Amino acid sequence: MIMINFHWMAKGNYSKEELLSLMDTIDPYKYKSILLPFQTFKNEPLISASFLANHYKDIKFMVAIRPYTISALHLAMAAKTFYDLYG
């Protein structure tokens, strides 16, 4: 049997209400992952992903960050902190 994995790209401002509404909408369809792109003037996607990961265990959360928007050192520090806190 062939299984197709579906992935969703989040849009909006990543407010708590928007994120929870998005999850309520797509959760029944069993998407494999959600991509949160890093965009100026939006809530921080790493923190948003960690909030969602704490509430939804059956879906992966990916963050897309353009190389010029954040330094590699800061991103490594954030990734290490999230790994230390959440595993």
PDB file of N, CA and C in Angstrom:
ATOM      1  N   MET A   1       0.836  -1.174   0.000  1.00  0.00           N
ATOM      2  CA  MET A   1       0.000   0.000   0.000  1.00  0.00           C
ATOM      3  C   MET A   1       0.885   1.243   0.000  1.00  0.00           C
ATOM      4  N   ILE A   2       0.558   2.192  -0.828  1.00  0.00           N
ATOM      5  CA  ILE A   2       1.328   3.431  -0.928  1.00  0.00           C
ATOM      6  C   ILE A   2       0.692   4.483  -0.029  1.00  0.00           C
ATOM      7  N   MET A   3       1.533   5.070   0.805  1.00  0.00           N
ATOM      8  CA  MET A   3       1.077   6.149   1.688  1.00  0.00           C
ATOM      9  C   MET A   3       1.635   7.472   1.169  1.00  0.00           C
ATOM     10  N   ILE A   4       0.801   8.473   1.113  1.00  0.00           N
ATOM     11  CA  ILE A   4       1.235   9.800   0.706  1.00  0.00           C
ATOM     12  C   ILE A   4       1.248  10.690   1.948  1.00  0.00           C
ATOM     13  N   ASN A   5       2.376  11.348   2.173  1.00  0.00           N
ATOM     14  CA  ASN A   5       2.498  12.274   3.293  1.00  0.00           C
ATOM     15  C   ASN A   5       2.149  13.674   2.816  1.00  0.00           C
ATOM     16  N   PHE A   6       1.251  14.318   3.531  1.00  0.00           N
ATOM     17  CA  PHE A   6       0.866  15.682   3.201  1.00  0.00           C
ATOM     18  C   PHE A   6       1.494  16.646   4.198  1.00  0.00           C
ATOM     19  N   HIS A   7       1.931  17.789   3.673  1.00  0.00           N
ATOM     20  CA  HIS A   7       2.572  18.817   4.491  1.00  0.00           C
ATOM     21  C   HIS A   7       1.832  20.135   4.263  1.00  0.00           C
ATOM     22  N   TRP A   8       1.768  20.973   5.297  1.00  0.00           N
ATOM     23  CA  TRP A   8       1.040  22.227   5.230  1.00  0.00           C
ATOM     24  C   TRP A   8       1.987  23.389   5.466  1.00  0.00           C
ATOM     25  N   MET A   9       1.795  24.482   4.735  1.00  0.00           N
ATOM     26  CA  MET A   9       2.578  25.691   4.975  1.00  0.00           C
ATOM     27  C   MET A   9       1.679  26.713   5.664  1.00  0.00           C
ATOM     28  N   ALA A  10       2.077  27.121   6.846  1.00  0.00           N
ATOM     29  CA  ALA A  10       1.268  28.057   7.634  1.00  0.00           C
ATOM     30  C   ALA A  10       1.391  29.460   7.079  1.00  0.00           C
ATOM     31  N   LYS A  11       0.279  30.153   7.101  1.00  0.00           N
ATOM     32  CA  LYS A  11       0.255  31.566   6.721  1.00  0.00           C
ATOM     33  C   LYS A  11      -0.360  32.329   7.874  1.00  0.00           C
ATOM     34  N   GLY A  12      -0.229  33.620   7.855  1.00  0.00           N
ATOM     35  CA  GLY A  12      -0.792  34.427   8.926  1.00  0.00           C
ATOM     36  C   GLY A  12       0.293  34.986   9.811  1.00  0.00           C
ATOM     37  N   ASN A  13      -0.097  35.460  10.968  1.00  0.00           N
ATOM     38  CA  ASN A  13       0.837  36.124  11.871  1.00  0.00           C
ATOM     39  C   ASN A  13       1.359  35.204  12.970  1.00  0.00           C
ATOM     40  N   TYR A  14       0.916  33.963  13.006  1.00  0.00           N
ATOM     41  CA  TYR A  14       1.303  32.972  14.018  1.00  0.00           C
ATOM     42  C   TYR A  14       0.867  33.385  15.413  1.00  0.00           C
ATOM     43  N   SER A  15      -0.225  34.119  15.520  1.00  0.00           N
ATOM     44  CA  SER A  15      -0.742  34.409  16.851  1.00  0.00           C
ATOM     45  C   SER A  15      -1.242  33.103  17.451  1.00  0.00           C
ATOM     46  N   LYS A  16      -1.379  33.085  18.753  1.00  0.00           N
ATOM     47  CA  LYS A  16      -1.837  31.871  19.435  1.00  0.00           C
ATOM     48  C   LYS A  16      -3.187  31.423  18.878  1.00  0.00           C
ATOM     49  N   GLU A  17      -4.094  32.359  18.703  1.00  0.00           N
ATOM     50  CA  GLU A  17      -5.423  32.030  18.196  1.00  0.00           C
ATOM     51  C   GLU A  17      -5.358  31.473  16.775  1.00  0.00           C
ATOM     52  N   GLU A  18      -4.532  32.103  15.916  1.00  0.00           N
ATOM     53  CA  GLU A  18      -4.392  31.631  14.536  1.00  0.00           C
ATOM     54  C   GLU A  18      -3.788  30.229  14.485  1.00  0.00           C
ATOM     55  N   LEU A  19      -2.779  29.984  15.298  1.00  0.00           N
ATOM     56  CA  LEU A  19      -2.131  28.678  15.295  1.00  0.00           C
ATOM     57  C   LEU A  19      -3.071  27.575  15.777  1.00  0.00           C
ATOM     58  N   LEU A  20      -3.804  27.840  16.853  1.00  0.00           N
ATOM     59  CA  LEU A  20      -4.732  26.830  17.368  1.00  0.00           C
ATOM     60  C   LEU A  20      -5.885  26.597  16.395  1.00  0.00           C
ATOM     61  N   SER A  21      -6.353  27.652  15.741  1.00  0.00           N
ATOM     62  CA  SER A  21      -7.402  27.503  14.736  1.00  0.00           C
ATOM     63  C   SER A  21      -6.899  26.679  13.550  1.00  0.00           C
ATOM     64  N   LEU A  22      -5.659  26.958  13.121  1.00  0.00           N
ATOM     65  CA  LEU A  22      -5.056  26.183  12.038  1.00  0.00           C
ATOM     66  C   LEU A  22      -4.979  24.704  12.400  1.00  0.00           C
ATOM     67  N   MET A  23      -4.532  24.419  13.610  1.00  0.00           N
ATOM     68  CA  MET A  23      -4.401  23.021  14.038  1.00  0.00           C
ATOM     69  C   MET A  23      -5.772  22.346  14.116  1.00  0.00           C
ATOM     70  N   ASP A  24      -6.771  23.047  14.600  1.00  0.00           N
ATOM     71  CA  ASP A  24      -8.117  22.473  14.649  1.00  0.00           C
ATOM     72  C   ASP A  24      -8.642  22.170  13.253  1.00  0.00           C
ATOM     73  N   THR A  25      -8.253  22.995  12.289  1.00  0.00           N
ATOM     74  CA  THR A  25      -8.711  22.813  10.916  1.00  0.00           C
ATOM     75  C   THR A  25      -8.025  21.635  10.238  1.00  0.00           C
ATOM     76  N   ILE A  26      -6.702  21.523  10.399  1.00  0.00           N
ATOM     77  CA  ILE A  26      -5.979  20.500   9.630  1.00  0.00           C
ATOM     78  C   ILE A  26      -5.749  19.195  10.387  1.00  0.00           C
ATOM     79  N   ASP A  27      -5.910  19.193  11.698  1.00  0.00           N
ATOM     80  CA  ASP A  27      -5.636  17.985  12.480  1.00  0.00           C
ATOM     81  C   ASP A  27      -6.444  16.760  12.007  1.00  0.00           C
ATOM     82  N   PRO A  28      -7.720  16.894  11.674  1.00  0.00           N
ATOM     83  CA  PRO A  28      -8.467  15.710  11.236  1.00  0.00           C
ATOM     84  C   PRO A  28      -7.933  15.081   9.941  1.00  0.00           C
ATOM     85  N   TYR A  29      -7.180  15.843   9.163  1.00  0.00           N
ATOM     86  CA  TYR A  29      -6.684  15.351   7.877  1.00  0.00           C
ATOM     87  C   TYR A  29      -5.322  14.668   7.983  1.00  0.00           C
ATOM     88  N   LYS A  30      -4.748  14.624   9.175  1.00  0.00           N
ATOM     89  CA  LYS A  30      -3.509  13.895   9.463  1.00  0.00           C
ATOM     90  C   LYS A  30      -2.330  14.330   8.583  1.00  0.00           C
ATOM     91  N   TYR A  31      -2.123  15.646   8.522  1.00  0.00           N
ATOM     92  CA  TYR A  31      -0.934  16.133   7.832  1.00  0.00           C
ATOM     93  C   TYR A  31       0.303  15.652   8.574  1.00  0.00           C
ATOM     94  N   LYS A  32       1.377  15.408   7.834  1.00  0.00           N
ATOM     95  CA  LYS A  32       2.622  14.915   8.408  1.00  0.00           C
ATOM     96  C   LYS A  32       3.389  16.030   9.115  1.00  0.00           C
ATOM     97  N   SER A  33       3.362  17.239   8.533  1.00  0.00           N
ATOM     98  CA  SER A  33       4.127  18.339   9.110  1.00  0.00           C
ATOM     99  C   SER A  33       3.523  19.680   8.716  1.00  0.00           C
ATOM    100  N   ILE A  34       3.968  20.710   9.440  1.00  0.00           N
ATOM    101  CA  ILE A  34       3.598  22.087   9.131  1.00  0.00           C
ATOM    102  C   ILE A  34       4.882  22.902   9.033  1.00  0.00           C
ATOM    103  N   LEU A  35       4.978  23.682   7.982  1.00  0.00           N
ATOM    104  CA  LEU A  35       6.119  24.564   7.776  1.00  0.00           C
ATOM    105  C   LEU A  35       5.739  25.965   8.246  1.00  0.00           C
ATOM    106  N   LEU A  36       6.555  26.518   9.122  1.00  0.00           N
ATOM    107  CA  LEU A  36       6.378  27.888   9.598  1.00  0.00           C
ATOM    108  C   LEU A  36       7.517  28.728   9.029  1.00  0.00           C
ATOM    109  N   PRO A  37       7.276  29.497   7.972  1.00  0.00           N
ATOM    110  CA  PRO A  37       8.349  30.316   7.399  1.00  0.00           C
ATOM    111  C   PRO A  37       8.636  31.548   8.242  1.00  0.00           C
ATOM    112  N   PHE A  38       9.902  31.875   8.356  1.00  0.00           N
ATOM    113  CA  PHE A  38      10.352  33.065   9.075  1.00  0.00           C
ATOM    114  C   PHE A  38      10.062  34.276   8.201  1.00  0.00           C
ATOM    115  N   GLN A  39       9.254  35.201   8.706  1.00  0.00           N
ATOM    116  CA  GLN A  39       8.911  36.393   7.942  1.00  0.00           C
ATOM    117  C   GLN A  39       8.957  37.604   8.864  1.00  0.00           C
ATOM    118  N   THR A  40       9.409  38.698   8.320  1.00  0.00           N
ATOM    119  CA  THR A  40       9.486  39.926   9.088  1.00  0.00           C
ATOM    120  C   THR A  40       8.090  40.365   9.535  1.00  0.00           C
ATOM    121  N   PHE A  41       8.011  40.922  10.706  1.00  0.00           N
ATOM    122  CA  PHE A  41       6.773  41.459  11.283  1.00  0.00           C
ATOM    123  C   PHE A  41       5.750  40.375  11.633  1.00  0.00           C
ATOM    124  N   LYS A  42       6.200  39.152  11.798  1.00  0.00           N
ATOM    125  CA  LYS A  42       5.317  38.077  12.252  1.00  0.00           C
ATOM    126  C   LYS A  42       5.880  37.536  13.562  1.00  0.00           C
ATOM    127  N   ASN A  43       5.078  36.823  14.300  1.00  0.00           N
ATOM    128  CA  ASN A  43       5.586  36.219  15.530  1.00  0.00           C
ATOM    129  C   ASN A  43       6.691  35.221  15.203  1.00  0.00           C
ATOM    130  N   GLU A  44       7.577  35.003  16.131  1.00  0.00           N
ATOM    131  CA  GLU A  44       8.769  34.168  15.950  1.00  0.00           C
ATOM    132  C   GLU A  44       8.367  32.709  15.709  1.00  0.00           C
ATOM    133  N   PRO A  45       8.797  32.108  14.581  1.00  0.00           N
ATOM    134  CA  PRO A  45       8.353  30.758  14.252  1.00  0.00           C
ATOM    135  C   PRO A  45       8.953  29.657  15.134  1.00  0.00           C
ATOM    136  N   LEU A  46      10.166  29.829  15.660  1.00  0.00           N
ATOM    137  CA  LEU A  46      10.738  28.802  16.536  1.00  0.00           C
ATOM    138  C   LEU A  46       9.930  28.684  17.826  1.00  0.00           C
ATOM    139  N   ILE A  47       9.570  29.809  18.389  1.00  0.00           N
ATOM    140  CA  ILE A  47       8.763  29.794  19.612  1.00  0.00           C
ATOM    141  C   ILE A  47       7.360  29.274  19.302  1.00  0.00           C
ATOM    142  N   SER A  48       6.808  29.679  18.165  1.00  0.00           N
ATOM    143  CA  SER A  48       5.492  29.187  17.760  1.00  0.00           C
ATOM    144  C   SER A  48       5.508  27.671  17.566  1.00  0.00           C
ATOM    145  N   ALA A  49       6.556  27.164  16.927  1.00  0.00           N
ATOM    146  CA  ALA A  49       6.662  25.713  16.712  1.00  0.00           C
ATOM    147  C   ALA A  49       6.788  24.972  18.034  1.00  0.00           C
ATOM    148  N   SER A  50       7.548  25.518  18.975  1.00  0.00           N
ATOM    149  CA  SER A  50       7.697  24.831  20.268  1.00  0.00           C
ATOM    150  C   SER A  50       6.381  24.836  21.043  1.00  0.00           C
ATOM    151  N   PHE A  51       5.607  25.916  20.934  1.00  0.00           N
ATOM    152  CA  PHE A  51       4.287  25.965  21.570  1.00  0.00           C
ATOM    153  C   PHE A  51       3.389  24.874  20.992  1.00  0.00           C
ATOM    154  N   LEU A  52       3.360  24.764  19.666  1.00  0.00           N
ATOM    155  CA  LEU A  52       2.506  23.766  19.029  1.00  0.00           C
ATOM    156  C   LEU A  52       2.979  22.341  19.311  1.00  0.00           C
ATOM    157  N   ALA A  53       4.296  22.133  19.283  1.00  0.00           N
ATOM    158  CA  ALA A  53       4.837  20.792  19.529  1.00  0.00           C
ATOM    159  C   ALA A  53       4.500  20.301  20.929  1.00  0.00           C
ATOM    160  N   ASN A  54       4.335  21.228  21.843  1.00  0.00           N
ATOM    161  CA  ASN A  54       3.978  20.870  23.209  1.00  0.00           C
ATOM    162  C   ASN A  54       2.521  20.412  23.304  1.00  0.00           C
ATOM    163  N   HIS A  55       1.687  20.792  22.333  1.00  0.00           N
ATOM    164  CA  HIS A  55       0.265  20.462  22.359  1.00  0.00           C
ATOM    165  C   HIS A  55      -0.136  19.367  21.368  1.00  0.00           C
ATOM    166  N   TYR A  56       0.644  19.191  20.303  1.00  0.00           N
ATOM    167  CA  TYR A  56       0.292  18.239  19.246  1.00  0.00           C
ATOM    168  C   TYR A  56       1.483  17.300  19.017  1.00  0.00           C
ATOM    169  N   LYS A  57       1.315  16.051  19.357  1.00  0.00           N
ATOM    170  CA  LYS A  57       2.428  15.096  19.319  1.00  0.00           C
ATOM    171  C   LYS A  57       2.533  14.334  17.997  1.00  0.00           C
ATOM    172  N   ASP A  58       1.462  14.279  17.206  1.00  0.00           N
ATOM    173  CA  ASP A  58       1.451  13.438  16.009  1.00  0.00           C
ATOM    174  C   ASP A  58       1.843  14.162  14.740  1.00  0.00           C
ATOM    175  N   ILE A  59       2.342  15.378  14.850  1.00  0.00           N
ATOM    176  CA  ILE A  59       2.710  16.160  13.675  1.00  0.00           C
ATOM    177  C   ILE A  59       4.061  16.826  13.929  1.00  0.00           C
ATOM    178  N   LYS A  60       4.835  16.957  12.886  1.00  0.00           N
ATOM    179  CA  LYS A  60       6.148  17.605  12.973  1.00  0.00           C
ATOM    180  C   LYS A  60       6.000  19.081  12.609  1.00  0.00           C
ATOM    181  N   PHE A  61       6.835  19.914  13.204  1.00  0.00           N
ATOM    182  CA  PHE A  61       6.833  21.339  12.923  1.00  0.00           C
ATOM    183  C   PHE A  61       8.203  21.737  12.397  1.00  0.00           C
ATOM    184  N   MET A  62       8.213  22.329  11.208  1.00  0.00           N
ATOM    185  CA  MET A  62       9.451  22.751  10.571  1.00  0.00           C
ATOM    186  C   MET A  62       9.463  24.270  10.482  1.00  0.00           C
ATOM    187  N   VAL A  63      10.637  24.847  10.594  1.00  0.00           N
ATOM    188  CA  VAL A  63      10.795  26.296  10.488  1.00  0.00           C
ATOM    189  C   VAL A  63      11.734  26.574   9.324  1.00  0.00           C
ATOM    190  N   ALA A  64      11.299  27.440   8.428  1.00  0.00           N
ATOM    191  CA  ALA A  64      12.125  27.842   7.287  1.00  0.00           C
ATOM    192  C   ALA A  64      12.666  29.239   7.567  1.00  0.00           C
ATOM    193  N   ILE A  65      13.990  29.349   7.600  1.00  0.00           N
ATOM    194  CA  ILE A  65      14.626  30.636   7.896  1.00  0.00           C
ATOM    195  C   ILE A  65      15.573  30.992   6.751  1.00  0.00           C
ATOM    196  N   ARG A  66      15.390  32.160   6.213  1.00  0.00           N
ATOM    197  CA  ARG A  66      16.291  32.631   5.154  1.00  0.00           C
ATOM    198  C   ARG A  66      17.652  32.964   5.773  1.00  0.00           C
ATOM    199  N   PRO A  67      18.747  32.657   5.070  1.00  0.00           N
ATOM    200  CA  PRO A  67      20.079  32.850   5.645  1.00  0.00           C
ATOM    201  C   PRO A  67      20.377  34.262   6.109  1.00  0.00           C
ATOM    202  N   TYR A  68      19.834  35.271   5.480  1.00  0.00           N
ATOM    203  CA  TYR A  68      20.173  36.655   5.827  1.00  0.00           C
ATOM    204  C   TYR A  68      19.334  37.225   6.977  1.00  0.00           C
ATOM    205  N   THR A  69      18.352  36.491   7.478  1.00  0.00           N
ATOM    206  CA  THR A  69      17.462  37.053   8.489  1.00  0.00           C
ATOM    207  C   THR A  69      17.925  36.822   9.917  1.00  0.00           C
ATOM    208  N   ILE A  70      18.745  35.834  10.141  1.00  0.00           N
ATOM    209  CA  ILE A  70      19.192  35.501  11.494  1.00  0.00           C
ATOM    210  C   ILE A  70      20.584  34.886  11.387  1.00  0.00           C
ATOM    211  N   SER A  71      21.437  35.162  12.361  1.00  0.00           N
ATOM    212  CA  SER A  71      22.795  34.624  12.278  1.00  0.00           C
ATOM    213  C   SER A  71      22.806  33.125  12.575  1.00  0.00           C
ATOM    214  N   ALA A  72      23.756  32.439  12.009  1.00  0.00           N
ATOM    215  CA  ALA A  72      23.881  30.996  12.229  1.00  0.00           C
ATOM    216  C   ALA A  72      24.151  30.699  13.700  1.00  0.00           C
ATOM    217  N   LEU A  73      24.906  31.539  14.371  1.00  0.00           N
ATOM    218  CA  LEU A  73      25.207  31.344  15.790  1.00  0.00           C
ATOM    219  C   LEU A  73      23.935  31.438  16.637  1.00  0.00           C
ATOM    220  N   HIS A  74      23.118  32.434  16.368  1.00  0.00           N
ATOM    221  CA  HIS A  74      21.882  32.589  17.125  1.00  0.00           C
ATOM    222  C   HIS A  74      20.924  31.427  16.857  1.00  0.00           C
ATOM    223  N   LEU A  75      20.835  30.987  15.620  1.00  0.00           N
ATOM    224  CA  LEU A  75      19.978  29.855  15.280  1.00  0.00           C
ATOM    225  C   LEU A  75      20.471  28.579  15.965  1.00  0.00           C
ATOM    226  N   ALA A  76      21.789  28.364  15.997  1.00  0.00           N
ATOM    227  CA  ALA A  76      22.345  27.197  16.682  1.00  0.00           C
ATOM    228  C   ALA A  76      22.054  27.254  18.178  1.00  0.00           C
ATOM    229  N   MET A  77      22.156  28.435  18.756  1.00  0.00           N
ATOM    230  CA  MET A  77      21.865  28.600  20.178  1.00  0.00           C
ATOM    231  C   MET A  77      20.389  28.299  20.452  1.00  0.00           C
ATOM    232  N   ALA A  78      19.500  28.778  19.608  1.00  0.00           N
ATOM    233  CA  ALA A  78      18.071  28.517  19.783  1.00  0.00           C
ATOM    234  C   ALA A  78      17.774  27.027  19.625  1.00  0.00           C
ATOM    235  N   ALA A  79      18.360  26.407  18.620  1.00  0.00           N
ATOM    236  CA  ALA A  79      18.138  24.969  18.405  1.00  0.00           C
ATOM    237  C   ALA A  79      18.637  24.149  19.584  1.00  0.00           C
ATOM    238  N   LYS A  80      19.807  24.493  20.122  1.00  0.00           N
ATOM    239  CA  LYS A  80      20.345  23.763  21.271  1.00  0.00           C
ATOM    240  C   LYS A  80      19.439  23.920  22.495  1.00  0.00           C
ATOM    241  N   THR A  81      18.945  25.140  22.692  1.00  0.00           N
ATOM    242  CA  THR A  81      18.068  25.392  23.841  1.00  0.00           C
ATOM    243  C   THR A  81      16.776  24.599  23.715  1.00  0.00           C
ATOM    244  N   PHE A  82      16.170  24.612  22.538  1.00  0.00           N
ATOM    245  CA  PHE A  82      14.944  23.849  22.336  1.00  0.00           C
ATOM    246  C   PHE A  82      15.201  22.358  22.526  1.00  0.00           C
ATOM    247  N   TYR A  83      16.328  21.875  22.029  1.00  0.00           N
ATOM    248  CA  TYR A  83      16.654  20.450  22.185  1.00  0.00           C
ATOM    249  C   TYR A  83      16.844  20.109  23.660  1.00  0.00           C
ATOM    250  N   ASP A  84      17.556  20.975  24.387  1.00  0.00           N
ATOM    251  CA  ASP A  84      17.774  20.737  25.819  1.00  0.00           C
ATOM    252  C   ASP A  84      16.461  20.737  26.597  1.00  0.00           C
ATOM    253  N   LEU A  85      15.540  21.604  26.223  1.00  0.00           N
ATOM    254  CA  LEU A  85      14.286  21.727  26.943  1.00  0.00           C
ATOM    255  C   LEU A  85      13.249  20.679  26.537  1.00  0.00           C
ATOM    256  N   TYR A  86      13.200  20.353  25.251  1.00  0.00           N
ATOM    257  CA  TYR A  86      12.139  19.482  24.760  1.00  0.00           C
ATOM    258  C   TYR A  86      12.613  18.116  24.287  1.00  0.00           C
ATOM    259  N   GLY A  87      13.909  17.984  24.006  1.00  0.00           N
ATOM    260  CA  GLY A  87      14.437  16.708  23.532  1.00  0.00           C
ATOM    261  C   GLY A  87      14.156  16.427  22.089  1.00  0.00           C
TER     262      GLY A  87
END
